[in-house]
N, C-alpha and C. Protein backbone atom coordinates (compact mmCIF):
# COMPACT_ATOMS: atom_id res chain seq x y z
N MET A 1 6.93 -1.79 20.87
CA MET A 1 5.34 -1.52 20.70
C MET A 1 5.37 -2.23 19.47
N ASN A 2 4.25 -2.96 19.21
CA ASN A 2 3.87 -4.09 18.16
C ASN A 2 3.29 -3.06 16.86
N PHE A 3 3.61 -3.75 15.88
CA PHE A 3 3.22 -3.37 14.26
C PHE A 3 2.02 -2.57 14.55
N ARG A 4 0.54 -2.93 14.77
CA ARG A 4 -0.57 -2.70 14.82
C ARG A 4 -0.58 -1.36 15.32
N ASP A 5 0.05 -1.60 16.75
CA ASP A 5 0.03 0.08 17.28
C ASP A 5 0.76 1.20 16.97
N TRP A 6 1.75 1.01 16.05
CA TRP A 6 2.61 1.82 15.51
C TRP A 6 1.81 1.92 14.13
N PHE A 7 1.36 1.02 13.60
CA PHE A 7 0.59 1.44 12.67
C PHE A 7 -0.70 2.13 12.26
N LEU A 8 -1.51 2.14 13.37
CA LEU A 8 -2.98 2.69 13.59
C LEU A 8 -2.36 4.17 14.43
N GLY A 9 -1.23 4.19 15.28
CA GLY A 9 -1.28 5.19 16.22
C GLY A 9 -2.58 5.80 17.08
N LYS A 10 -1.86 6.58 17.66
CA LYS A 10 -2.70 7.25 18.97
C LYS A 10 -3.40 8.51 18.22
N ARG A 11 -1.84 9.20 17.98
CA ARG A 11 -2.09 10.70 17.13
C ARG A 11 -2.71 10.86 15.58
N ARG A 12 -2.58 10.20 14.94
CA ARG A 12 -2.97 9.76 13.86
C ARG A 12 -4.12 9.07 13.49
N LYS A 13 -5.89 9.61 12.83
CA LYS A 13 -6.46 9.08 12.21
C LYS A 13 -6.63 8.32 10.81
N ARG A 14 -6.61 7.29 11.38
CA ARG A 14 -6.39 6.31 9.66
C ARG A 14 -7.55 5.95 9.32
N ARG A 15 -7.67 6.14 7.71
CA ARG A 15 -9.02 5.89 6.97
C ARG A 15 -9.15 4.44 6.72
N PHE A 16 -8.45 3.46 5.79
CA PHE A 16 -9.02 2.23 6.02
C PHE A 16 -7.88 1.49 6.64
N SER A 17 -7.10 1.85 6.85
CA SER A 17 -5.79 1.15 8.02
C SER A 17 -6.61 0.44 9.24
N ASP A 18 -7.41 1.11 9.64
CA ASP A 18 -8.28 0.68 10.77
C ASP A 18 -9.10 -0.29 10.76
N GLN A 19 -9.37 -0.92 9.38
CA GLN A 19 -10.03 -1.81 8.85
C GLN A 19 -9.23 -3.16 8.52
N THR A 20 -7.77 -2.80 8.67
CA THR A 20 -6.65 -3.65 8.11
C THR A 20 -6.38 -4.78 9.26
N PRO A 21 -6.72 -6.07 9.03
CA PRO A 21 -6.07 -7.01 10.00
C PRO A 21 -4.65 -7.30 10.11
N LEU A 22 -4.18 -7.16 11.14
CA LEU A 22 -2.49 -7.63 11.34
C LEU A 22 -1.92 -8.60 10.40
N CYS A 23 -0.82 -8.23 9.46
CA CYS A 23 -0.62 -8.98 8.60
C CYS A 23 0.27 -9.75 8.81
N VAL A 24 0.08 -10.90 8.62
CA VAL A 24 0.61 -12.68 8.80
C VAL A 24 2.13 -13.12 7.82
N ASN A 25 1.74 -12.22 6.66
CA ASN A 25 3.15 -12.91 5.89
C ASN A 25 3.99 -11.66 6.03
N VAL A 26 5.44 -11.67 6.23
CA VAL A 26 6.19 -10.75 6.26
C VAL A 26 7.40 -10.51 5.06
N ILE A 27 7.64 -9.58 4.59
CA ILE A 27 9.18 -9.68 3.64
C ILE A 27 9.63 -8.50 4.58
N GLY A 28 10.79 -9.04 5.27
CA GLY A 28 11.07 -8.24 6.95
C GLY A 28 12.24 -6.99 6.02
N ASP A 29 12.53 -6.73 6.75
CA ASP A 29 13.45 -5.24 6.57
C ASP A 29 15.04 -6.20 6.56
N GLY A 30 15.89 -6.03 5.28
CA GLY A 30 17.06 -6.23 5.15
C GLY A 30 16.45 -7.11 3.61
N ALA A 31 15.26 -7.94 3.72
CA ALA A 31 14.93 -8.99 2.96
C ALA A 31 14.98 -8.23 1.45
N GLN A 32 15.85 -9.19 0.61
CA GLN A 32 15.68 -8.51 -0.92
C GLN A 32 15.14 -10.07 -1.60
N LEU A 33 13.63 -9.59 -2.43
CA LEU A 33 13.24 -10.71 -3.08
C LEU A 33 12.77 -10.28 -4.09
N ARG A 34 13.22 -10.96 -5.54
CA ARG A 34 12.80 -11.44 -6.84
C ARG A 34 11.69 -12.09 -7.66
N GLY A 35 10.77 -11.87 -8.16
CA GLY A 35 9.87 -12.89 -8.76
C GLY A 35 8.45 -12.25 -8.50
N THR A 36 7.73 -13.25 -8.93
CA THR A 36 5.72 -13.14 -8.88
C THR A 36 5.46 -13.37 -7.52
N LEU A 37 4.70 -12.69 -6.92
CA LEU A 37 3.82 -12.85 -5.58
C LEU A 37 2.69 -12.70 -5.63
N THR A 38 1.83 -14.07 -5.22
CA THR A 38 0.68 -14.48 -5.90
C THR A 38 0.10 -15.26 -4.29
N GLY A 39 -1.07 -15.08 -4.10
CA GLY A 39 -1.88 -15.95 -2.76
C GLY A 39 -3.05 -15.20 -2.15
N ASN A 40 -2.98 -15.68 -1.30
CA ASN A 40 -4.42 -15.08 -0.55
C ASN A 40 -3.71 -14.54 0.93
N GLY A 41 -4.49 -13.61 1.93
CA GLY A 41 -3.70 -13.55 2.71
C GLY A 41 -3.51 -12.04 3.02
N ASP A 42 -2.54 -11.39 4.23
CA ASP A 42 -1.89 -9.80 3.83
C ASP A 42 -1.11 -10.01 4.28
N TYR A 43 -0.16 -9.14 3.83
CA TYR A 43 1.36 -8.91 3.73
C TYR A 43 2.10 -7.65 4.26
N ARG A 44 3.01 -7.83 4.57
CA ARG A 44 3.40 -6.68 5.18
C ARG A 44 4.82 -6.60 4.91
N VAL A 45 5.22 -5.39 3.74
CA VAL A 45 6.84 -5.23 3.31
C VAL A 45 7.40 -4.46 3.92
N SER A 46 8.73 -4.85 4.20
CA SER A 46 9.36 -3.47 4.92
C SER A 46 10.96 -3.73 3.99
N GLY A 47 11.21 -4.80 3.33
CA GLY A 47 12.41 -4.81 2.23
C GLY A 47 11.92 -4.45 0.97
N ARG A 48 12.81 -5.44 0.33
CA ARG A 48 12.84 -4.75 -1.17
C ARG A 48 12.16 -5.84 -1.75
N PHE A 49 11.59 -5.60 -2.93
CA PHE A 49 11.06 -6.66 -3.46
C PHE A 49 10.65 -6.07 -5.38
N GLU A 50 11.08 -6.93 -6.30
CA GLU A 50 11.17 -6.75 -7.47
C GLU A 50 10.43 -7.87 -8.26
N GLY A 51 9.65 -7.29 -8.74
CA GLY A 51 8.38 -8.41 -9.63
C GLY A 51 7.04 -7.64 -9.45
N ASP A 52 6.03 -8.22 -9.84
CA ASP A 52 4.62 -8.40 -9.73
C ASP A 52 4.13 -8.98 -8.88
N ALA A 53 2.73 -8.46 -8.20
CA ALA A 53 2.24 -9.03 -6.80
C ALA A 53 0.53 -9.05 -7.58
N ASP A 54 -0.30 -10.31 -7.12
CA ASP A 54 -1.51 -10.32 -7.41
C ASP A 54 -2.02 -10.83 -5.60
N ILE A 55 -2.29 -10.25 -5.31
CA ILE A 55 -3.02 -10.71 -3.33
C ILE A 55 -4.77 -10.31 -3.67
N GLU A 56 -5.07 -11.59 -2.70
CA GLU A 56 -6.03 -11.83 -2.65
C GLU A 56 -6.19 -11.05 -1.03
N GLY A 57 -6.17 -9.98 -0.83
CA GLY A 57 -5.79 -9.68 0.48
C GLY A 57 -5.32 -8.08 0.81
N THR A 58 -4.75 -7.99 1.72
CA THR A 58 -3.76 -6.74 2.24
C THR A 58 -2.57 -6.70 2.07
N VAL A 59 -2.06 -5.71 1.04
CA VAL A 59 -0.72 -5.51 1.06
C VAL A 59 -0.11 -3.63 1.77
N VAL A 60 0.95 -3.79 2.98
CA VAL A 60 1.16 -2.75 3.77
C VAL A 60 2.51 -2.65 3.15
N LEU A 61 3.33 -1.72 2.34
CA LEU A 61 4.36 -1.33 2.36
C LEU A 61 4.96 -0.15 3.31
N LEU A 62 5.91 -0.72 4.37
CA LEU A 62 6.03 0.24 5.39
C LEU A 62 7.16 1.24 4.99
N PRO A 63 7.15 2.08 5.86
CA PRO A 63 8.69 2.99 5.63
C PRO A 63 9.74 2.61 5.21
N GLY A 64 10.54 2.97 4.17
CA GLY A 64 11.73 2.20 3.67
C GLY A 64 11.33 1.05 2.58
N ALA A 65 10.52 0.42 2.63
CA ALA A 65 9.94 -0.26 1.75
C ALA A 65 10.27 -0.25 0.21
N HIS A 66 10.79 -1.18 -0.65
CA HIS A 66 11.03 -0.16 -1.96
C HIS A 66 10.69 -1.30 -2.73
N TRP A 67 9.36 -1.42 -3.90
CA TRP A 67 8.76 -2.66 -4.94
C TRP A 67 8.69 -1.86 -6.24
N LYS A 68 9.46 -2.38 -7.04
CA LYS A 68 9.68 -2.22 -8.35
C LYS A 68 9.10 -3.57 -9.48
N GLY A 69 7.71 -2.93 -9.47
CA GLY A 69 6.85 -3.63 -10.31
C GLY A 69 5.73 -3.49 -10.07
N ASP A 70 4.56 -4.18 -10.63
CA ASP A 70 2.74 -3.67 -10.53
C ASP A 70 2.36 -4.52 -8.81
N ILE A 71 1.20 -3.97 -8.39
CA ILE A 71 0.90 -4.17 -7.35
C ILE A 71 -0.69 -4.49 -7.53
N ALA A 72 -1.58 -5.66 -7.63
CA ALA A 72 -2.68 -5.83 -7.36
C ALA A 72 -3.25 -6.29 -5.90
N ALA A 73 -4.04 -5.83 -5.27
CA ALA A 73 -4.46 -6.44 -3.94
C ALA A 73 -5.96 -5.84 -3.74
N ASP A 74 -6.82 -6.47 -3.04
CA ASP A 74 -7.85 -6.04 -2.47
C ASP A 74 -7.71 -4.80 -1.90
N ASN A 75 -6.76 -4.33 -0.87
CA ASN A 75 -6.47 -3.04 -0.20
C ASN A 75 -5.00 -3.31 -0.10
N ILE A 76 -4.71 -2.09 -0.45
CA ILE A 76 -3.37 -1.79 -0.17
C ILE A 76 -3.11 -0.30 0.27
N VAL A 77 -2.30 -0.08 1.22
CA VAL A 77 -1.46 0.71 2.09
C VAL A 77 -0.14 0.72 1.78
N ILE A 78 0.04 2.17 1.59
CA ILE A 78 1.44 2.49 0.79
C ILE A 78 2.35 3.41 1.88
N ALA A 79 3.40 3.36 2.56
CA ALA A 79 4.12 3.78 3.15
C ALA A 79 5.61 4.31 2.86
N GLY A 80 5.93 3.13 1.97
CA GLY A 80 7.44 3.12 1.09
C GLY A 80 7.51 3.79 -0.55
N GLU A 81 7.97 2.98 -0.89
CA GLU A 81 8.32 3.53 -2.32
C GLU A 81 7.93 2.24 -3.37
N VAL A 82 7.34 3.04 -4.34
CA VAL A 82 6.52 1.92 -5.71
C VAL A 82 7.22 2.47 -7.19
N HIS A 83 7.64 1.66 -7.66
CA HIS A 83 7.89 2.00 -9.11
C HIS A 83 7.10 0.61 -9.90
N GLY A 84 5.67 1.39 -10.28
CA GLY A 84 5.07 0.38 -10.99
C GLY A 84 3.85 1.22 -10.57
N ASN A 85 2.33 -0.02 -11.19
CA ASN A 85 1.53 0.53 -11.00
C ASN A 85 0.80 -0.55 -10.12
N VAL A 86 -0.26 0.01 -9.34
CA VAL A 86 -0.88 0.14 -8.25
C VAL A 86 -2.45 -0.13 -8.43
N THR A 87 -2.85 -0.98 -8.38
CA THR A 87 -4.23 -1.47 -8.48
C THR A 87 -4.82 -2.07 -6.99
N ALA A 88 -6.06 -1.54 -6.94
CA ALA A 88 -6.56 -2.07 -6.09
C ALA A 88 -8.36 -2.33 -6.03
N GLU A 89 -8.68 -3.16 -5.12
CA GLU A 89 -10.03 -3.98 -5.82
C GLU A 89 -10.86 -2.79 -4.97
N ASN A 90 -10.41 -2.41 -3.46
CA ASN A 90 -11.38 -1.72 -2.50
C ASN A 90 -11.31 -0.30 -2.43
N ASN A 91 -10.22 -0.77 -1.56
CA ASN A 91 -9.22 0.77 -1.29
C ASN A 91 -7.46 0.86 -1.42
N LEU A 92 -7.27 2.37 -1.45
CA LEU A 92 -5.74 2.35 -1.59
C LEU A 92 -5.83 3.64 -0.68
N GLU A 93 -4.59 3.57 -0.10
CA GLU A 93 -4.44 4.59 1.07
C GLU A 93 -2.49 4.85 0.86
N LEU A 94 -2.43 6.26 0.31
CA LEU A 94 -1.44 6.51 0.45
C LEU A 94 -0.72 7.39 1.42
N THR A 95 0.56 6.64 2.60
CA THR A 95 0.30 7.93 3.46
C THR A 95 1.17 8.84 3.35
N ALA A 96 1.93 9.93 4.20
CA ALA A 96 2.97 11.10 3.90
C ALA A 96 3.77 10.46 3.29
N SER A 97 4.57 9.40 3.98
CA SER A 97 5.90 9.00 3.36
C SER A 97 5.89 8.44 2.04
N ALA A 98 4.69 7.98 1.37
CA ALA A 98 5.03 7.32 -0.11
C ALA A 98 5.13 8.14 -0.92
N ARG A 99 6.01 7.23 -1.73
CA ARG A 99 6.51 7.88 -3.31
C ARG A 99 6.38 6.99 -4.28
N ILE A 100 5.40 7.15 -4.93
CA ILE A 100 4.81 6.35 -6.30
C ILE A 100 5.23 7.25 -7.42
N HIS A 101 5.59 5.95 -8.32
CA HIS A 101 6.08 6.10 -9.72
C HIS A 101 5.23 5.72 -10.65
N GLY A 102 4.06 5.56 -10.81
CA GLY A 102 3.29 4.68 -11.51
C GLY A 102 2.03 4.89 -11.77
N ASP A 103 1.23 4.41 -12.16
CA ASP A 103 -0.46 4.60 -12.18
C ASP A 103 -1.28 4.38 -10.95
N LEU A 104 -2.26 5.21 -10.49
CA LEU A 104 -3.18 4.60 -9.11
C LEU A 104 -4.35 4.23 -10.01
N ALA A 105 -5.11 2.98 -9.48
CA ALA A 105 -6.54 2.35 -9.35
C ALA A 105 -7.01 2.36 -8.43
N SER A 106 -8.17 2.56 -8.11
CA SER A 106 -8.90 1.81 -6.79
C SER A 106 -10.63 2.75 -7.18
N PRO A 107 -11.50 1.96 -6.41
CA PRO A 107 -12.69 2.94 -6.18
C PRO A 107 -12.92 3.75 -5.07
N THR A 108 -11.73 3.71 -4.56
CA THR A 108 -11.17 4.33 -3.17
C THR A 108 -10.14 4.66 -2.79
N ILE A 109 -9.27 5.98 -2.57
CA ILE A 109 -8.33 6.08 -2.75
C ILE A 109 -8.16 7.07 -1.77
N ALA A 110 -7.36 7.44 -1.10
CA ALA A 110 -6.84 8.62 0.06
C ALA A 110 -5.76 8.71 -0.29
N ILE A 111 -5.19 9.80 0.14
CA ILE A 111 -3.73 10.28 -0.34
C ILE A 111 -3.56 11.38 0.32
N ALA A 112 -2.58 11.10 1.75
CA ALA A 112 -1.88 11.88 2.49
C ALA A 112 -1.87 13.01 2.36
N GLU A 113 -1.45 14.66 2.89
CA GLU A 113 -0.44 15.38 2.78
C GLU A 113 0.77 14.95 2.88
N GLY A 114 1.41 15.00 1.60
CA GLY A 114 3.20 15.09 1.67
C GLY A 114 3.62 13.82 0.96
N ALA A 115 2.27 12.98 0.35
CA ALA A 115 2.69 11.74 -0.42
C ALA A 115 2.75 12.24 -1.81
N LEU A 116 3.76 11.36 -2.47
CA LEU A 116 4.01 11.84 -3.98
C LEU A 116 3.83 10.85 -4.79
N TYR A 117 3.02 11.07 -6.06
CA TYR A 117 3.20 10.21 -6.78
C TYR A 117 3.07 10.56 -8.37
N GLN A 118 3.43 9.95 -9.20
CA GLN A 118 3.89 10.39 -10.63
C GLN A 118 3.32 9.54 -11.35
N GLY A 119 1.98 9.79 -12.19
CA GLY A 119 1.16 8.70 -13.15
C GLY A 119 -0.36 8.92 -13.25
N GLN A 120 -1.09 8.52 -13.58
CA GLN A 120 -2.54 9.05 -13.55
C GLN A 120 -3.13 8.43 -12.42
N VAL A 121 -4.50 9.01 -11.65
CA VAL A 121 -5.22 8.22 -10.54
C VAL A 121 -6.70 7.86 -11.12
N ARG A 122 -6.99 7.05 -11.57
CA ARG A 122 -8.11 6.36 -12.01
C ARG A 122 -9.07 5.99 -10.90
N THR A 123 -10.24 6.27 -10.85
CA THR A 123 -11.16 5.83 -9.95
C THR A 123 -12.57 5.04 -10.56
N ALA A 124 -13.41 4.51 -9.64
CA ALA A 124 -14.38 3.53 -10.63
C ALA A 124 -15.66 4.49 -10.84
N LYS A 125 -15.69 5.85 -9.75
CA LYS A 125 -16.74 6.54 -10.07
C LYS A 125 -16.29 8.09 -9.72
N ARG A 126 -17.10 9.03 -10.04
CA ARG A 126 -16.69 10.11 -9.65
C ARG A 126 -17.06 10.41 -8.32
N ALA A 127 -16.80 10.69 -7.22
CA ALA A 127 -17.19 11.04 -5.73
C ALA A 127 -16.14 12.26 -5.45
N ALA A 128 -16.93 12.70 -4.35
CA ALA A 128 -16.58 14.17 -3.99
C ALA A 128 -15.58 13.56 -3.09
N VAL A 129 -14.40 14.66 -3.13
CA VAL A 129 -12.95 14.53 -2.36
C VAL A 129 -13.37 14.44 -0.60
N LYS A 130 -13.22 13.84 0.11
CA LYS A 130 -12.69 13.42 1.63
C LYS A 130 -11.70 13.89 1.97
N ARG A 131 -12.21 14.90 3.05
CA ARG A 131 -10.34 15.17 3.20
C ARG A 131 -10.00 14.33 5.14
N PHE A 132 -9.28 13.94 4.88
CA PHE A 132 -8.96 13.28 6.50
C PHE A 132 -7.70 13.45 7.23
């Protein structure tokens, strides 16, 4: 099964990730990186990363991924664990397996039942809650 099939899943309907293209930059399972990540494009993370990121594109943290530092990107989907602030320019999605210890900021935030976060949530404007 390829990543897109696994991620989109036939049984679960996704909110933002339906529009997320297949990621081309990979921080693989077992990888441990430290530093600052900047650039354009889409990133799939299943390993460990320590540092901040500022990405023009989409960042996807898969289940089991650990991130220590702040993440800023156009779109972010989190199924792993983050110790830091998360800021998305467009869309932020926390799946049921997400664990966040930091503030969340995005114009649109989707939080699946079972996701845990400890911190403040900021959106650009007050909007009605949509269930999915």
